[in-house]
Protein backbone atom coordinates (compact mmCIF):
# COMPACT_ATOMS: atom_id res chain seq x y z
CA MET A 1 -179.99 152.43 36.01
CA PHE A 2 -182.34 153.37 33.21
CA ILE A 3 -186.06 153.99 33.52
CA ASP A 4 -187.04 151.45 30.85
CA LYS A 5 -185.59 148.65 32.99
CA SER A 6 -187.74 149.46 36.04
CA MET A 7 -190.88 151.18 34.78
CA THR A 8 -194.30 149.54 34.79
CA ARG A 9 -195.07 148.57 31.20
CA ASP A 10 -198.56 147.13 31.62
CA VAL A 11 -200.16 150.51 32.28
CA VAL A 12 -203.81 151.05 33.12
CA THR A 13 -204.99 153.99 31.01
CA VAL A 14 -208.16 155.93 30.25
CA ARG A 15 -209.42 157.98 27.32
CA PRO A 16 -210.28 161.69 27.59
CA GLU A 17 -213.99 160.84 27.24
CA THR A 18 -213.97 158.26 30.07
CA LYS A 19 -216.36 159.21 32.87
CA ILE A 20 -214.70 160.34 36.08
CA LEU A 21 -216.55 157.80 38.21
CA ALA A 22 -215.39 155.00 35.90
CA ALA A 23 -211.81 156.25 36.24
CA GLN A 24 -212.19 156.31 40.02
CA THR A 25 -213.36 152.68 39.96
CA LEU A 26 -210.32 151.71 37.84
CA MET A 27 -207.99 153.29 40.38
CA ALA A 28 -209.63 151.44 43.25
CA GLN A 29 -209.64 148.09 41.46
CA ASN A 30 -205.97 148.35 40.50
CA ARG A 31 -204.81 150.10 43.68
CA ILE A 32 -203.17 152.93 41.78
CA ARG A 33 -203.23 156.71 42.09
CA HIS A 34 -202.26 157.80 38.57
CA LEU A 35 -204.00 157.17 35.27
CA PRO A 36 -202.31 158.26 32.04
CA VAL A 37 -204.83 159.62 29.56
CA VAL A 38 -204.25 158.50 25.97
CA ALA A 39 -205.81 159.25 22.61
CA GLU A 40 -205.60 157.07 19.50
CA ASP A 41 -202.36 155.15 18.93
CA ASP A 42 -201.51 155.51 22.65
CA ILE A 43 -200.51 159.14 22.30
CA LEU A 44 -200.33 160.67 25.78
CA VAL A 45 -202.60 163.68 26.21
CA GLY A 46 -202.83 164.01 29.98
CA ILE A 47 -202.73 162.38 33.39
CA LEU A 48 -205.42 161.95 36.03
CA THR A 49 -204.61 161.52 39.72
CA ASP A 50 -206.65 160.54 42.74
CA ARG A 51 -206.16 164.10 43.98
CA ASP A 52 -207.85 165.43 40.84
CA ILE A 53 -210.85 163.21 41.53
CA ARG A 54 -211.04 164.17 45.20
CA SER A 55 -210.97 167.84 44.24
CA ALA A 56 -213.96 167.27 41.96
CA MET A 57 -216.01 165.59 44.69
CA PRO A 58 -218.96 167.46 46.25
CA SER A 59 -218.13 169.43 49.37
CA THR A 60 -219.17 167.85 52.67
CA VAL A 61 -220.62 171.15 53.90
CA LEU A 62 -223.30 171.32 51.20
CA SER A 63 -226.95 170.70 51.88
CA GLU A 64 -228.40 167.37 50.76
CA ALA A 65 -230.04 169.00 47.75
CA GLU A 66 -226.86 170.81 46.74
CA LYS A 67 -224.79 167.66 47.20
CA ALA A 68 -227.20 165.63 45.05
CA ALA A 69 -227.00 168.25 42.30
CA GLU A 70 -223.19 168.22 42.37
CA GLU A 71 -223.13 164.41 42.33
CA ARG A 72 -225.28 164.42 39.21
CA GLY A 73 -222.93 166.92 37.64
CA MET A 74 -219.91 164.84 38.56
CA ALA A 75 -221.49 161.71 37.08
CA ALA A 76 -221.64 163.51 33.76
CA MET A 77 -218.06 164.79 33.89
CA GLU A 78 -215.33 163.24 31.78
CA VAL A 79 -211.65 162.74 32.46
CA LYS A 80 -210.71 165.55 30.08
CA ASP A 81 -212.59 167.99 32.31
CA ILE A 82 -210.23 167.60 35.27
CA MET A 83 -207.05 165.92 33.98
CA THR A 84 -203.68 167.66 33.73
CA ALA A 85 -203.10 168.16 30.02
CA ASN A 86 -199.61 167.88 28.54
CA PRO A 87 -198.08 166.56 31.78
CA VAL A 88 -194.38 166.42 32.54
CA THR A 89 -192.96 163.14 31.24
CA VAL A 90 -189.70 161.21 31.22
CA SER A 91 -188.09 159.17 28.48
CA PRO A 92 -187.12 155.50 28.72
CA THR A 93 -183.45 156.43 28.37
CA GLN A 94 -183.36 158.72 31.40
CA THR A 95 -182.04 157.30 34.66
CA LEU A 96 -183.86 156.39 37.86
CA GLU A 97 -181.81 159.08 39.56
CA ASP A 98 -183.25 161.63 37.11
CA ALA A 99 -186.80 160.51 37.94
CA LEU A 100 -186.16 160.56 41.68
CA LEU A 101 -184.78 164.11 41.64
CA MET A 102 -187.67 165.30 39.44
CA MET A 103 -190.24 163.75 41.78
CA GLN A 104 -188.64 165.45 44.77
CA LYS A 105 -188.48 168.81 43.02
CA MET A 106 -192.01 168.71 41.58
CA LYS A 107 -193.61 166.87 44.51
CA VAL A 108 -195.35 164.26 42.35
CA GLY A 109 -195.61 160.51 42.75
CA ALA A 110 -195.24 159.28 39.16
CA PHE A 111 -194.29 160.25 35.62
CA PRO A 112 -195.60 158.83 32.34
CA VAL A 113 -192.78 157.38 30.26
CA VAL A 114 -193.08 158.57 26.68
CA GLY A 115 -191.11 157.62 23.57
CA PRO A 116 -189.85 160.01 20.88
CA GLU A 117 -193.17 159.88 18.97
CA GLY A 118 -195.26 160.84 21.99
CA LYS A 119 -196.53 157.31 22.62
CA LEU A 120 -196.98 156.07 26.16
CA GLU A 121 -194.47 153.30 26.90
CA GLY A 122 -194.92 152.96 30.64
CA ILE A 123 -195.12 154.76 33.96
CA ILE A 124 -192.49 155.18 36.65
CA SER A 125 -193.76 155.70 40.18
CA VAL A 126 -192.30 156.02 43.66
CA ARG A 127 -193.20 152.36 44.14
CA ASP A 128 -191.16 151.38 41.07
CA LEU A 129 -188.19 153.42 42.29
CA MET A 130 -188.32 151.83 45.73
CA ARG A 131 -188.39 148.35 44.23
CA ALA A 132 -185.45 149.14 41.93
CA PHE A 133 -183.25 150.63 44.66
CA VAL A 134 -184.06 147.84 47.13
CA ASN A 135 -182.95 145.37 44.47
CA VAL A 136 -179.78 147.27 43.53
CA LEU A 137 -178.75 147.86 47.15
CA GLY A 138 -179.34 144.23 48.11
CA LEU A 139 -181.62 145.23 50.98
CA GLU A 140 -183.82 142.15 50.68
CA GLU A 141 -180.96 140.04 51.96
CA PRO A 142 -180.49 139.99 55.76
CA GLY A 143 -177.73 142.31 56.84
CA ALA A 144 -176.75 145.42 58.78
CA LEU A 145 -175.89 149.01 57.92
CA LEU A 146 -172.60 150.44 59.13
CA GLY A 147 -171.63 154.13 59.26
CA ILE A 148 -168.06 155.43 58.84
CA VAL A 149 -166.75 158.99 58.68
CA VAL A 150 -163.76 159.55 56.39
CA GLU A 151 -161.85 162.43 54.88
CA ASN A 152 -163.04 163.54 51.48
CA LYS A 153 -160.04 162.41 49.49
CA LEU A 154 -159.04 159.66 47.10
CA GLY A 155 -158.31 156.20 48.45
CA GLN A 156 -160.61 156.24 51.47
CA MET A 157 -163.20 153.91 49.94
CA LYS A 158 -160.53 151.35 49.03
CA LYS A 159 -159.22 151.39 52.60
CA ILE A 160 -162.70 150.63 53.94
CA VAL A 161 -163.35 147.86 51.42
CA ASP A 162 -159.93 146.30 52.09
CA ALA A 163 -160.41 146.40 55.86
CA ILE A 164 -163.83 144.73 55.74
CA SER A 165 -162.74 142.23 53.10
CA GLU A 166 -159.94 141.07 55.41
CA LEU A 167 -162.68 139.58 57.60
CA GLY A 168 -164.38 137.83 54.69
CA VAL A 169 -167.64 139.79 55.17
CA PRO A 170 -169.59 140.31 51.90
CA PHE A 171 -171.12 143.64 50.86
CA GLY A 172 -174.68 144.25 49.74
CA SER A 173 -173.93 147.83 48.68
CA ILE A 174 -172.06 151.00 49.68
CA LEU A 175 -173.54 154.50 49.82
CA VAL A 176 -171.62 157.74 50.24
CA ALA A 177 -173.25 160.87 51.65
CA ARG A 178 -172.37 164.37 52.74
CA VAL A 179 -171.77 164.88 56.46
CA TRP A 180 -172.28 168.68 56.45
CA GLU A 181 -168.74 169.05 57.79
CA GLU A 182 -165.92 170.54 55.77
CA GLY A 183 -163.76 167.91 54.11
CA LYS A 184 -165.72 164.92 55.45
CA ARG A 185 -167.93 162.23 53.96
CA ALA A 186 -170.08 159.50 55.50
CA VAL A 187 -169.76 156.02 54.03
CA PHE A 188 -172.52 153.47 54.64
CA PRO A 189 -171.64 149.86 53.76
CA TYR A 190 -174.56 147.44 53.88
CA LEU A 191 -172.96 144.22 55.11
CA LEU A 192 -174.53 140.83 54.53
CA THR A 193 -174.14 139.76 58.13
CA SER A 194 -176.14 140.46 61.27
CA ASN A 195 -173.08 140.37 63.53
CA ILE A 196 -171.04 143.49 62.85
CA SER A 197 -169.39 143.98 66.25
CA LYS A 198 -166.29 142.22 64.95
CA VAL A 199 -166.25 144.48 61.90
CA LYS A 200 -166.63 147.61 64.05
CA ASN A 201 -163.74 146.64 66.31
CA HIS A 202 -161.60 145.82 63.28
CA LEU A 203 -162.27 149.24 61.74
CA ARG A 204 -161.64 151.12 64.97
CA GLU A 205 -158.30 149.36 65.33
CA ARG A 206 -157.38 150.75 61.91
CA GLY A 207 -158.22 154.29 62.91
CA PHE A 208 -161.67 154.69 61.37
CA THR A 209 -164.34 156.82 63.05
CA LEU A 210 -167.72 155.06 63.23
CA LEU A 211 -171.13 156.62 63.53
CA ASP A 212 -174.65 155.41 64.14
CA PRO A 213 -176.53 155.68 60.80
CA MET A 214 -179.76 156.82 62.49
CA GLU A 215 -178.01 159.45 64.60
CA TRP A 216 -176.27 160.73 61.49
CA TYR A 217 -179.61 161.07 59.72
CA LEU A 218 -181.28 162.89 62.56
CA ASP A 219 -178.34 165.15 63.40
CA ARG A 220 -177.18 165.99 59.91
CA LEU A 221 -180.39 167.02 58.20
CA PRO A 222 -180.05 170.57 56.84
CA LYS A 223 -181.55 173.11 59.23
CA ARG A 224 -184.49 175.02 57.80
């Protein structure tokens, strides 16, 4: 899954000389938290976030006179005064998985998408990633998630698919995750049916070990 297939192309942007209060209004009107900052020819020069704006706001512990003075100063400030210059970007040909891992590592909510000439082509946000993965995993269709523990060796996935297919139950998607146990993997088929008791019994009869997906999540998180 490539970024250019899921990114937001119609991007709200600002110029470096845009006033901060005008940028804040744009964010509120469009319900967004990131504003790419572009110069001529849509060349990306920075990014402004709602956190940047909040940090520039007058402190609540100031006196009325001090607060008024800071508000006047803020009204005169421009985006270039508080933006992050030369921000980290992604290219349209990178994958959604790349963007997701980068967001987790850097603890940010969006990346500008920039072409080879430095021009802004879009933005990819957590919201875009959620929409893409919901679509790919078929989660908008009614169904149920099943958890199965298998040995980490070839052929296990085919056995699961064959066993479920024998019952004529369609799949929305299948995820595979670590179980934090040597030689084991957890397989999570998303089945397009709300009645999975028959499927569970069928799998148990064939020797599979089932698990509750929520219990797996809570029990198997790495200990810090």
